[in-house]
């Protein structure tokens, strides 16, 4: 693993365009010193030797100390000068200067990554990706009809804001502070109870700007988002499922609650044109990542939108799948890894992907017991080597823990997943070499 500078040492990271100026400053200082010595050196040295008659060892010690002190002071002065100038230009910014330069010089020239999904899986992936690239496009499903999003769809005839809100917060420069505010849910009055502040802000911005896409852009500006979030479509539609027994149910919430094996899913309206910027992002991507996320309610709905699956298949980008950690009651109960791929292959050519990232670690037993009580379990890795899809399978420990609505859940660890992507995708290896993502 290649070492990457962190904190203040991030100034030394390749691509920062700082080292060349430091080298020039040292060279200039050295030339100035030589010029002074050449002009006054003999007389000055005689004066110093007569004034301070010290032993040779003492002289060497004093000279070394003076040299090191002057170099440290010189570097400190340059850094303070840069910081003072930067704060004069952007006095409201609290970002560390090294991090700011790292973001603009390195991350903004990093690979273009398109991440596709919905729910907490996509926001988890984005939380790690923003540490290694600012060129992120998150493509989010818009078929959610439960909770606050569902109520807002019914009351205001808007696209569901919940998954978009989570992705915006995951990409925010200061997620830890802003998340507490925008995830806050009202307790009263009754008409607001259960709604999150972020959802209401997005709905209000849609009314103010005249479009859901423009509302996302406005909120992205407020949150100082690293990358962009795009809805898969601007058309209002619902998810429809046909179960194995032939019954058809409309609505994502009702589909999950039915708790029966799904034979096929589709959208309630046709056509459902893709948002044009989504297709542009897919065509321009260096890396496309599908998953993690609920198979039938987070991943597949994006692929049902007109032209998205075809655009992914035709894209020249490197393509990666991220397998889910756990099965989901009422959606993928009893599914193995092969079952997931087989179902996904009905909506997109899985053989067109390059890599499949699979977790190989076991969650803690107390957590597993809780999942088993809800008829969920780890996705069994039954994929043979080689596999029928020609996928290169990367098996690593990808497990993390997250608290959602006061409940401890098993989720992908953003840093582990990002490290795996950086180490194993050609896209990142060509750009950075094999190295760990840095901190902000």
Protein backbone atom coordinates (compact mmCIF):
# COMPACT_ATOMS: atom_id res chain seq x y z
CA UNK A 1 0.00 0.00 0.00
CA UNK A 2 1.51 3.30 -1.09
CA UNK A 3 1.75 5.91 1.66
CA UNK A 4 -0.27 9.05 1.13
CA UNK A 5 0.46 12.28 3.03
CA UNK A 6 -2.24 13.40 5.44
CA UNK A 7 -3.09 16.65 7.21
CA UNK A 8 -0.40 19.29 6.76
CA UNK A 9 1.79 16.81 4.85
CA UNK A 10 -0.92 16.68 2.19
CA UNK A 11 0.87 19.67 0.68
CA UNK A 12 3.42 17.09 -0.55
CA UNK A 13 0.87 14.93 -2.40
CA UNK A 14 1.45 14.63 -6.19
CA UNK A 15 -0.71 16.98 -8.24
CA UNK A 16 -1.02 19.71 -5.60
CA UNK A 17 1.22 22.04 -7.67
CA UNK A 18 2.83 23.32 -4.48
CA UNK A 19 6.18 21.50 -4.39
CA UNK A 20 7.44 23.27 -7.52
CA UNK A 21 6.91 26.68 -5.92
CA UNK A 22 8.54 25.58 -2.67
CA UNK A 23 11.52 24.34 -4.70
CA UNK A 24 11.71 27.67 -6.53
CA UNK A 25 11.56 29.55 -3.22
CA UNK A 26 14.41 27.47 -1.78
CA UNK A 27 16.46 27.87 -4.96
CA UNK A 28 15.93 31.63 -4.92
CA UNK A 29 16.90 31.83 -1.25
CA UNK A 30 20.03 29.77 -1.98
CA UNK A 31 21.05 32.01 -4.89
CA UNK A 32 20.51 35.08 -2.72
CA UNK A 33 22.69 33.58 0.02
CA UNK A 34 25.47 32.74 -2.45
CA UNK A 35 25.32 36.25 -3.91
CA UNK A 36 25.72 37.82 -0.45
CA UNK A 37 28.59 35.48 0.41
CA UNK A 38 30.30 36.16 -2.90
CA UNK A 39 30.07 39.92 -2.39
CA UNK A 40 30.92 40.10 1.31
CA UNK A 41 31.96 36.57 2.22
CA UNK A 42 35.73 36.92 2.94
CA UNK A 43 35.53 40.08 5.05
CA UNK A 44 32.35 38.92 6.79
CA UNK A 45 33.79 35.52 7.70
CA UNK A 46 36.99 37.09 9.08
CA UNK A 47 34.92 39.42 11.23
CA UNK A 48 32.79 36.55 12.59
CA UNK A 49 35.81 34.35 13.31
CA UNK A 50 37.57 37.17 15.21
CA UNK A 51 34.41 38.16 17.10
CA UNK A 52 33.41 34.58 18.06
CA UNK A 53 36.55 32.44 18.52
CA UNK A 54 34.83 29.02 18.87
CA UNK A 55 36.02 25.45 18.34
CA UNK A 56 35.29 23.77 15.02
CA UNK A 57 32.71 21.41 16.55
CA UNK A 58 30.85 24.28 18.18
CA UNK A 59 30.84 26.25 14.93
CA UNK A 60 29.40 23.29 13.02
CA UNK A 61 26.72 22.82 15.65
CA UNK A 62 25.69 26.48 15.60
CA UNK A 63 25.68 26.53 11.79
CA UNK A 64 23.47 23.42 11.60
CA UNK A 65 21.04 24.80 14.17
CA UNK A 66 20.83 28.15 12.39
CA UNK A 67 20.25 26.43 9.04
CA UNK A 68 17.45 24.22 10.33
CA UNK A 69 15.81 27.10 12.18
CA UNK A 70 15.91 29.34 9.12
CA UNK A 71 14.44 26.63 6.86
CA UNK A 72 11.60 25.94 9.33
CA UNK A 73 10.88 29.65 9.70
CA UNK A 74 10.93 30.09 5.93
CA UNK A 75 8.41 27.27 5.40
CA UNK A 76 6.20 28.52 8.22
CA UNK A 77 6.20 32.02 6.77
CA UNK A 78 5.18 30.75 3.32
CA UNK A 79 2.34 28.64 4.73
CA UNK A 80 1.07 31.52 6.86
CA UNK A 81 1.24 33.83 3.87
CA UNK A 82 -0.79 31.43 1.71
CA UNK A 83 -3.33 30.96 4.49
CA UNK A 84 -3.69 34.69 5.05
CA UNK A 85 -4.21 35.37 1.36
CA UNK A 86 -6.72 32.52 1.04
CA UNK A 87 -8.74 33.68 4.04
CA UNK A 88 -8.75 37.17 2.63
CA UNK A 89 -10.26 35.80 -0.59
CA UNK A 90 -12.70 33.40 1.16
CA UNK A 91 -13.04 34.57 4.77
CA UNK A 92 -16.13 32.41 5.43
CA UNK A 93 -14.38 29.14 4.65
CA UNK A 94 -13.40 26.98 7.63
CA UNK A 95 -11.73 24.31 5.49
CA UNK A 96 -8.06 23.65 6.14
CA UNK A 97 -5.88 25.10 3.42
CA UNK A 98 -4.14 21.80 2.63
CA UNK A 99 -7.54 20.10 2.31
CA UNK A 100 -8.86 22.91 0.10
CA UNK A 101 -5.88 22.73 -2.26
CA UNK A 102 -6.05 18.91 -2.22
CA UNK A 103 -9.73 19.10 -3.19
CA UNK A 104 -9.28 21.55 -6.03
CA UNK A 105 -5.96 20.28 -7.39
CA UNK A 106 -6.31 16.52 -6.93
CA UNK A 107 -9.92 15.48 -6.38
CA UNK A 108 -11.32 17.66 -9.17
CA UNK A 109 -8.92 16.01 -11.63
CA UNK A 110 -9.69 12.50 -10.36
CA UNK A 111 -11.73 9.88 -12.33
CA UNK A 112 -15.36 10.53 -13.25
CA UNK A 113 -17.46 8.05 -11.32
CA UNK A 114 -21.18 7.38 -11.82
CA UNK A 115 -22.86 5.63 -8.88
CA UNK A 116 -26.35 4.21 -9.44
CA UNK A 117 -28.83 3.12 -6.81
CA UNK A 118 -30.98 4.45 -4.01
CA UNK A 119 -31.70 4.08 -0.32
CA UNK A 120 -28.93 3.94 2.26
CA UNK A 121 -26.69 1.79 0.04
CA UNK A 122 -26.00 4.57 -2.44
CA UNK A 123 -25.40 7.23 0.21
CA UNK A 124 -22.95 4.86 1.95
CA UNK A 125 -20.96 4.43 -1.26
CA UNK A 126 -20.93 8.19 -1.90
CA UNK A 127 -19.64 8.90 1.59
CA UNK A 128 -16.46 7.00 0.76
CA UNK A 129 -16.12 8.00 -2.90
CA UNK A 130 -15.98 11.71 -2.10
CA UNK A 131 -12.65 11.11 -0.37
CA UNK A 132 -10.99 10.08 -3.64
CA UNK A 133 -12.79 12.09 -6.34
CA UNK A 134 -14.94 15.18 -6.68
CA UNK A 135 -16.19 14.04 -10.08
CA UNK A 136 -19.10 11.98 -8.74
CA UNK A 137 -22.52 11.67 -10.31
CA UNK A 138 -25.10 9.90 -8.15
CA UNK A 139 -28.11 8.63 -10.11
CA UNK A 140 -31.01 8.14 -7.74
CA UNK A 141 -34.25 6.19 -8.12
CA UNK A 142 -37.50 8.18 -7.79
CA UNK A 143 -40.06 5.42 -7.09
CA UNK A 144 -40.09 5.65 -3.28
CA UNK A 145 -43.62 6.10 -1.95
CA UNK A 146 -43.22 5.40 1.76
CA UNK A 147 -42.79 7.56 4.85
CA UNK A 148 -42.25 11.27 4.48
CA UNK A 149 -41.46 10.98 0.75
CA UNK A 150 -44.73 9.16 0.07
CA UNK A 151 -46.78 11.72 1.96
CA UNK A 152 -45.13 14.58 0.10
CA UNK A 153 -45.79 12.85 -3.22
CA UNK A 154 -49.48 12.62 -2.37
CA UNK A 155 -49.84 16.11 -0.90
CA UNK A 156 -47.68 18.15 -3.31
CA UNK A 157 -47.47 15.94 -6.43
CA UNK A 158 -43.66 15.99 -6.34
CA UNK A 159 -40.94 13.45 -6.91
CA UNK A 160 -39.86 11.66 -3.70
CA UNK A 161 -37.08 13.70 -2.05
CA UNK A 162 -35.86 11.23 0.60
CA UNK A 163 -33.15 9.33 -1.29
CA UNK A 164 -31.98 12.53 -2.99
CA UNK A 165 -31.67 14.23 0.39
CA UNK A 166 -29.57 11.38 1.79
CA UNK A 167 -27.22 11.46 -1.21
CA UNK A 168 -26.80 15.23 -1.02
CA UNK A 169 -25.89 14.99 2.65
CA UNK A 170 -23.47 12.13 1.98
CA UNK A 171 -21.63 14.31 -0.55
CA UNK A 172 -21.76 17.47 1.59
CA UNK A 173 -18.42 18.99 2.56
CA UNK A 174 -19.46 19.12 6.23
CA UNK A 175 -21.84 16.17 6.50
CA UNK A 176 -21.40 15.58 10.23
CA UNK A 177 -22.73 19.02 11.15
CA UNK A 178 -25.40 19.46 8.47
CA UNK A 179 -26.83 15.95 8.73
CA UNK A 180 -28.23 16.61 12.21
CA UNK A 181 -30.19 19.56 10.86
CA UNK A 182 -31.48 18.22 7.55
CA UNK A 183 -32.30 14.76 8.93
CA UNK A 184 -34.30 16.28 11.79
CA UNK A 185 -37.89 15.05 11.80
CA UNK A 186 -40.72 17.24 13.05
CA UNK A 187 -42.68 16.04 16.07
CA UNK A 188 -45.59 18.44 15.64
CA UNK A 189 -47.97 19.77 14.38
CA UNK A 190 -49.66 16.65 12.96
CA UNK A 191 -49.41 17.80 9.36
CA UNK A 192 -45.62 18.10 9.70
CA UNK A 193 -44.94 15.24 12.12
CA UNK A 194 -42.59 12.67 10.60
CA UNK A 195 -41.34 14.91 7.80
CA UNK A 196 -37.61 15.57 7.68
CA UNK A 197 -36.38 19.13 7.37
CA UNK A 198 -34.33 18.20 4.30
CA UNK A 199 -37.37 16.81 2.49
CA UNK A 200 -39.37 19.98 3.15
CA UNK A 201 -36.48 22.15 1.99
CA UNK A 202 -36.28 20.25 -1.30
CA UNK A 203 -40.03 20.52 -1.85
CA UNK A 204 -39.92 24.24 -1.05
CA UNK A 205 -36.98 24.74 -3.42
CA UNK A 206 -38.84 22.90 -6.17
CA UNK A 207 -41.72 25.34 -5.85
CA UNK A 208 -39.32 28.29 -5.71
CA UNK A 209 -37.18 27.23 -8.68
CA UNK A 210 -39.84 25.58 -10.80
CA UNK A 211 -38.25 22.14 -11.10
CA UNK A 212 -36.98 19.22 -9.05
CA UNK A 213 -33.64 19.20 -10.85
CA UNK A 214 -33.15 22.91 -10.16
CA UNK A 215 -34.13 22.35 -6.51
CA UNK A 216 -31.37 19.72 -6.24
CA UNK A 217 -28.87 22.15 -7.77
CA UNK A 218 -29.85 24.86 -5.28
CA UNK A 219 -29.56 22.54 -2.30
CA UNK A 220 -26.22 21.25 -3.64
CA UNK A 221 -24.96 24.82 -3.56
CA UNK A 222 -26.15 25.34 0.02
CA UNK A 223 -24.49 22.12 1.21
CA UNK A 224 -21.27 22.64 -0.79
CA UNK A 225 -21.71 19.20 -2.34
CA UNK A 226 -18.69 17.38 -3.78
CA UNK A 227 -20.10 16.01 -7.03
CA UNK A 228 -23.73 16.07 -8.13
CA UNK A 229 -26.95 14.19 -7.55
CA UNK A 230 -29.33 13.50 -10.44
CA UNK A 231 -32.79 11.88 -10.41
CA UNK A 232 -33.01 8.99 -12.87
CA UNK A 233 -36.06 10.66 -14.42
CA UNK A 234 -38.19 13.75 -13.88
CA UNK A 235 -41.33 11.76 -14.73
CA UNK A 236 -43.57 10.83 -11.81
CA UNK A 237 -44.01 7.08 -11.79
CA UNK A 238 -44.52 4.15 -9.42
CA UNK A 239 -43.00 0.70 -9.15
CA UNK A 240 -45.19 -2.25 -10.15
CA UNK A 241 -44.45 -5.86 -9.20
CA UNK A 242 -45.81 -9.12 -10.57
CA UNK A 243 -45.41 -11.86 -7.99
CA UNK A 244 -44.69 -15.51 -8.67
CA UNK A 245 -48.38 -16.34 -8.12
CA UNK A 246 -49.40 -13.88 -10.86
CA UNK A 247 -50.78 -11.10 -8.66
CA UNK A 248 -49.79 -7.53 -9.60
CA UNK A 249 -49.21 -4.85 -6.94
CA UNK A 250 -48.39 -1.17 -7.49
CA UNK A 251 -46.35 0.91 -5.05
CA UNK A 252 -42.94 0.22 -3.57
CA UNK A 253 -44.21 0.10 0.01
CA UNK A 254 -47.03 -2.33 -0.80
CA UNK A 255 -44.65 -4.53 -2.77
CA UNK A 256 -42.26 -4.88 0.17
CA UNK A 257 -45.09 -5.40 2.65
CA UNK A 258 -46.60 -8.19 0.53
CA UNK A 259 -43.62 -10.38 1.44
CA UNK A 260 -43.86 -12.66 -1.59
CA UNK A 261 -41.38 -13.74 -4.24
CA UNK A 262 -41.17 -11.19 -7.05
CA UNK A 263 -41.23 -12.46 -10.63
CA UNK A 264 -40.88 -9.13 -12.43
CA UNK A 265 -41.01 -5.41 -11.75
CA UNK A 266 -41.93 -2.55 -14.08
CA UNK A 267 -42.99 1.10 -13.97
CA UNK A 268 -46.59 2.29 -13.82
CA UNK A 269 -46.28 4.74 -16.71
CA UNK A 270 -44.78 4.64 -20.18
CA UNK A 271 -42.72 6.20 -21.57
CA UNK A 272 -40.45 7.20 -18.68
CA UNK A 273 -37.66 9.16 -20.34
CA UNK A 274 -34.33 9.38 -18.58
CA UNK A 275 -33.17 12.78 -17.36
CA UNK A 276 -30.87 13.88 -20.19
CA UNK A 277 -27.99 14.76 -17.85
CA UNK A 278 -28.04 11.17 -16.56
CA UNK A 279 -27.35 9.77 -20.02
CA UNK A 280 -24.59 12.34 -20.57
CA UNK A 281 -22.93 11.40 -17.27
CA UNK A 282 -23.02 7.68 -18.10
CA UNK A 283 -21.50 8.29 -21.54
CA UNK A 284 -18.67 10.41 -20.08
CA UNK A 285 -17.90 8.22 -17.05
CA UNK A 286 -14.58 6.54 -16.36
CA UNK A 287 -16.15 4.15 -13.84
CA UNK A 288 -19.78 3.09 -13.33
CA UNK A 289 -20.75 1.48 -10.02
CA UNK A 290 -24.13 -0.25 -9.60
CA UNK A 291 -25.06 -1.00 -6.00
CA UNK A 292 -25.17 -1.62 -3.17
CA UNK A 293 -28.89 -1.25 -2.60
CA UNK A 294 -32.20 -3.09 -2.45
CA UNK A 295 -32.34 -5.18 -5.62
CA UNK A 296 -35.92 -4.60 -6.75
CA UNK A 297 -36.63 -1.24 -5.09
CA UNK A 298 -33.33 0.67 -5.38
CA UNK A 299 -31.26 -0.77 -8.25
CA UNK A 300 -33.69 -2.14 -10.81
CA UNK A 301 -36.03 0.94 -10.86
CA UNK A 302 -33.17 2.98 -12.32
CA UNK A 303 -32.68 0.36 -15.05
CA UNK A 304 -36.39 0.45 -15.93
CA UNK A 305 -36.17 4.11 -16.94
CA UNK A 306 -35.97 4.40 -20.72
CA UNK A 307 -32.44 4.23 -22.15
CA UNK A 308 -30.50 3.96 -18.86
CA UNK A 309 -29.72 0.23 -19.05
CA UNK A 310 -28.81 0.60 -22.74
CA UNK A 311 -26.58 3.59 -21.96
CA UNK A 312 -24.71 1.62 -19.29
CA UNK A 313 -24.22 -1.34 -21.64
CA UNK A 314 -22.88 0.90 -24.43
CA UNK A 315 -20.65 3.04 -22.18
CA UNK A 316 -16.90 2.64 -22.58
CA UNK A 317 -16.39 3.06 -18.83
CA UNK A 318 -15.13 0.35 -16.51
CA UNK A 319 -18.15 -1.16 -14.75
CA UNK A 320 -18.45 -2.59 -11.26
CA UNK A 321 -21.22 -4.27 -9.27
CA UNK A 322 -21.35 -4.19 -5.46
CA UNK A 323 -23.17 -7.17 -3.95
CA UNK A 324 -25.53 -6.66 -1.02
CA UNK A 325 -24.55 -7.84 2.44
CA UNK A 326 -27.92 -9.10 3.66
CA UNK A 327 -31.11 -10.49 2.16
CA UNK A 328 -34.27 -8.41 2.61
CA UNK A 329 -37.57 -9.74 3.91
CA UNK A 330 -40.33 -9.36 1.37
CA UNK A 331 -37.90 -8.67 -1.47
CA UNK A 332 -34.91 -11.03 -1.68
CA UNK A 333 -35.60 -13.44 1.16
CA UNK A 334 -33.57 -16.61 0.60
CA UNK A 335 -31.62 -15.14 -2.33
CA UNK A 336 -28.02 -16.23 -2.77
CA UNK A 337 -25.43 -14.17 -4.65
CA UNK A 338 -26.19 -16.14 -7.82
CA UNK A 339 -29.91 -15.45 -7.37
CA UNK A 340 -29.21 -11.71 -7.15
CA UNK A 341 -27.15 -11.75 -10.34
CA UNK A 342 -29.70 -13.90 -12.16
CA UNK A 343 -32.51 -11.50 -11.25
CA UNK A 344 -30.45 -8.44 -12.15
CA UNK A 345 -29.57 -10.00 -15.51
CA UNK A 346 -33.25 -9.74 -16.50
CA UNK A 347 -32.87 -5.95 -16.59
CA UNK A 348 -29.25 -5.40 -17.68
CA UNK A 349 -26.54 -7.57 -19.19
CA UNK A 350 -24.51 -8.54 -16.12
CA UNK A 351 -21.81 -10.01 -18.35
CA UNK A 352 -21.06 -6.49 -19.53
CA UNK A 353 -19.66 -5.57 -16.10
CA UNK A 354 -16.00 -6.00 -15.26
CA UNK A 355 -15.90 -6.46 -11.48
CA UNK A 356 -18.08 -7.75 -8.68
CA UNK A 357 -17.25 -6.72 -5.10
CA UNK A 358 -18.39 -9.26 -2.53
CA UNK A 359 -18.10 -9.14 1.24
CA UNK A 360 -16.30 -12.12 2.76
CA UNK A 361 -16.58 -11.22 6.47
CA UNK A 362 -19.26 -12.31 8.94
CA UNK A 363 -21.27 -9.80 10.97
CA UNK A 364 -21.15 -10.13 14.75
CA UNK A 365 -23.40 -12.88 16.09
CA UNK A 366 -25.66 -10.55 18.16
CA UNK A 367 -26.42 -8.55 15.00
CA UNK A 368 -27.06 -11.73 13.01
CA UNK A 369 -29.52 -12.94 15.63
CA UNK A 370 -31.50 -9.72 15.22
CA UNK A 371 -31.59 -10.10 11.45
CA UNK A 372 -32.62 -13.75 11.64
CA UNK A 373 -35.56 -12.78 13.84
CA UNK A 374 -36.73 -10.65 10.89
CA UNK A 375 -36.16 -13.42 8.32
CA UNK A 376 -32.98 -11.84 6.95
CA UNK A 377 -29.50 -13.35 6.66
CA UNK A 378 -26.14 -12.71 5.00
CA UNK A 379 -26.20 -13.18 1.23
CA UNK A 380 -24.61 -16.59 0.64
CA UNK A 381 -21.67 -16.43 -1.76
CA UNK A 382 -22.34 -19.39 -4.06
CA UNK A 383 -20.74 -17.88 -7.17
CA UNK A 384 -18.25 -20.32 -8.75
CA UNK A 385 -14.82 -19.38 -10.10
CA UNK A 386 -14.86 -18.80 -13.01
CA UNK A 387 -18.49 -17.67 -13.26
CA UNK A 388 -20.93 -17.66 -16.16
CA UNK A 389 -20.86 -13.85 -16.40
CA UNK A 390 -17.10 -13.49 -16.82
CA UNK A 391 -16.94 -11.19 -13.79
CA UNK A 392 -13.73 -10.66 -11.86
CA UNK A 393 -14.83 -11.24 -8.27
CA UNK A 394 -13.16 -9.24 -5.49
CA UNK A 395 -13.82 -10.73 -2.07
CA UNK A 396 -12.89 -8.50 0.87
CA UNK A 397 -14.09 -7.49 4.31
CA UNK A 398 -16.59 -4.72 3.50
CA UNK A 399 -18.71 -4.81 6.64
CA UNK A 400 -19.54 -1.74 8.68
CA UNK A 401 -22.06 -0.82 11.34
CA UNK A 402 -24.52 2.08 11.22
CA UNK A 403 -27.27 3.35 13.50
CA UNK A 404 -30.49 3.97 11.59
CA UNK A 405 -33.57 5.22 13.42
CA UNK A 406 -32.05 4.09 16.71
CA UNK A 407 -31.31 0.59 15.43
CA UNK A 408 -27.84 -0.88 14.87
CA UNK A 409 -27.66 -2.28 11.34
CA UNK A 410 -25.10 -4.00 9.12
CA UNK A 411 -24.01 -1.75 6.26
CA UNK A 412 -21.09 -1.48 3.89
CA UNK A 413 -18.24 0.44 5.46
CA UNK A 414 -17.67 3.50 3.20
CA UNK A 415 -13.90 3.49 3.68
CA UNK A 416 -13.48 -0.27 3.18
CA UNK A 417 -15.59 -0.21 0.03
CA UNK A 418 -13.75 2.79 -1.38
CA UNK A 419 -10.35 1.24 -0.64
CA UNK A 420 -11.44 -1.86 -2.53
CA UNK A 421 -12.54 0.23 -5.52
CA UNK A 422 -9.27 2.18 -5.51
CA UNK A 423 -7.14 -0.97 -5.30
CA UNK A 424 -8.94 -3.12 -7.85
CA UNK A 425 -10.40 -0.89 -10.56
CA UNK A 426 -8.19 0.03 -13.51
CA UNK A 427 -9.72 3.50 -13.37
CA UNK A 428 -8.20 4.39 -10.01
CA UNK A 429 -5.02 2.34 -10.32
CA UNK A 430 -4.11 4.25 -13.49
CA UNK A 431 -4.83 7.57 -11.84
CA UNK A 432 -3.47 7.15 -8.32
CA UNK A 433 -1.62 3.85 -8.22
CA UNK A 434 -2.45 1.42 -5.41
CA UNK A 435 -3.02 3.52 -2.32
CA UNK A 436 -5.43 4.27 0.45
CA UNK A 437 -8.01 7.03 0.17
CA UNK A 438 -6.99 10.07 2.21
CA UNK A 439 -8.83 11.92 4.91
CA UNK A 440 -10.28 15.38 4.70
